[in-house]
Amino acid sequence: MIFVTPYSCMSAPELAREYALVLDEYDQLKAQGLKLNMARGKPSKQQLDLVSGILTAVQTIDDCMDGGIDARNYGELAGLPSARAYWADILDCKPEQVFVGGVASLNLMYDVVARAYTHGLPHSPRPWCREEKVKFLCPCPGYDRHFAIGESVGAELIPVPMTPTGPDMDVVEELVKDPQGKLIWTVPKYSNPDGVIYSDETVRRFANLKPAAPDFTIMWDNAYGVHQFRGDFVPFPDLISLCAEAGRPDMVIEFASTSKITFAGGGISCMASSEDNIQYFTKLFGIQMISQDKVNQLRHVRFLKDKAHTLEIMKLHAEVMRPKFDVVSKWLNREIKPLGFAHWVDPDGGYFVSLFTMPGTAKRVWQLCKEAGVVLTNVGATYPYGNDPADSNLRIAPSLPPVEELEKAMEVLTTSMKLAALEQTMNH
């Protein structure tokens, strides 16, 4: 075993020698003219090819019929019965509790927030646009597009610390005592970006929240519910049922999509909630649309079939994803862990690795990577207003590049981390 001295234990001459060595490694990488991208969690071409059979899942006129309903025509705004049943099977709820959307669940999330502002929710005293102030609770590190929705409508974004079992529920339970607190964003399974699975205790505490605002809403973005790439499928509690048992059936709205199961640019999405909520939103959505693309819904039902078959397809995805996350883990554990200035969690599912560099160096690491031809998610994106107070978090998205490119990208990243850490250590 080779002993590595942490930077914090090096003398000034040792730091200077190490800096010269790492700078030379970095300059050699920079000279290679790389163009690599780990900025967003996109499926790779190999994954898309795995599910291209969906293109021929509906071929004849008879294939377009769904229990007497012609999917080519208007109607069935909340979704084809088979599509609603499919999502109910995936999410362990009832078909009547499901509204099937288009390509992205983000559209549905935005629409829910927009309707809350223009019309209010079923238990709202008034539309949110008439409130003096509206606050959204934002577990962080979190999903930048959630935060962007809040910013776009002028809500005040309140950071909530993440823990290994989910959001800090002591903080959440205190914050919901404020009647201006109207909503919390969550990614409960293989969270974006930490890869955390909320514990049963965390889920129970969510179901038993006693918010001051009667229309407080849990936005339960279950984007990665079936996206495990290590081990078997992990069952997860149904928050919709738990909220109903706790006497607040309308408090949660769950979202999911096939964006990383089939085609990221041609999937189907859904929202699930109490039947009253689904009826309420279906009425409002009926003003802006006649129906979603029901032929695509039928194509997905024919191809994915049910939860059991979907999980078999996800095993194929796992064979593509696991080696990429193994590359990330290998480089971080070999090159960075012995130096003791960073930490991360090796996830078992989802699409990201949440990497915490030496505090005060994330922006510098990002810049060094960019100059060497590796694009990462913008620094601060995982925090409200793009402000990471520790300048430490980087979201790593290894799904898109081939393994050989990922090896090179991780070499650039770990070298940049060392260089930034050395600079900061030497300057202090």
Foldseek 3Di string as FASTA:
>chain_A
DDADAFPLPDDLVVLVVVLVVLVVVLVVLLVVPAAAEFADQAFAPVLQVLFVCLVCLQDDQVLQDDPNDRLVDFDPAQAGLLLLVQVCQLQVHDSLQKRKFWLDLLVVVLLVLVCQQVPNAPQAPGRPVPDPAAEEEEEPLAALSVLVSCVVVPHHYHYFYADLQGTPLVVVLVVLQDQNYAEYEFQQALGVPAGHHHDPVRLLSVLQRDGPHLRRAYEHEPAWQLFFLDDARDDDDNSLVSNVVNPRNARYKYKYWCLSLHPVRGTMMMIGGDSVRSVVVSVVVVVVDRHHNRVRSSSCCSRCVHDVSSSVSSNVVSVQPVLQLVLLVVLCVVQPVSNPQKDWDSHRGDFKTKIFARFPQLQQLQVSLVSSNYHYHDQQSSDNPSDDPRSTITIGGRNHDHNVVSNSSSSSSSSSSSNSVSVVSSVD
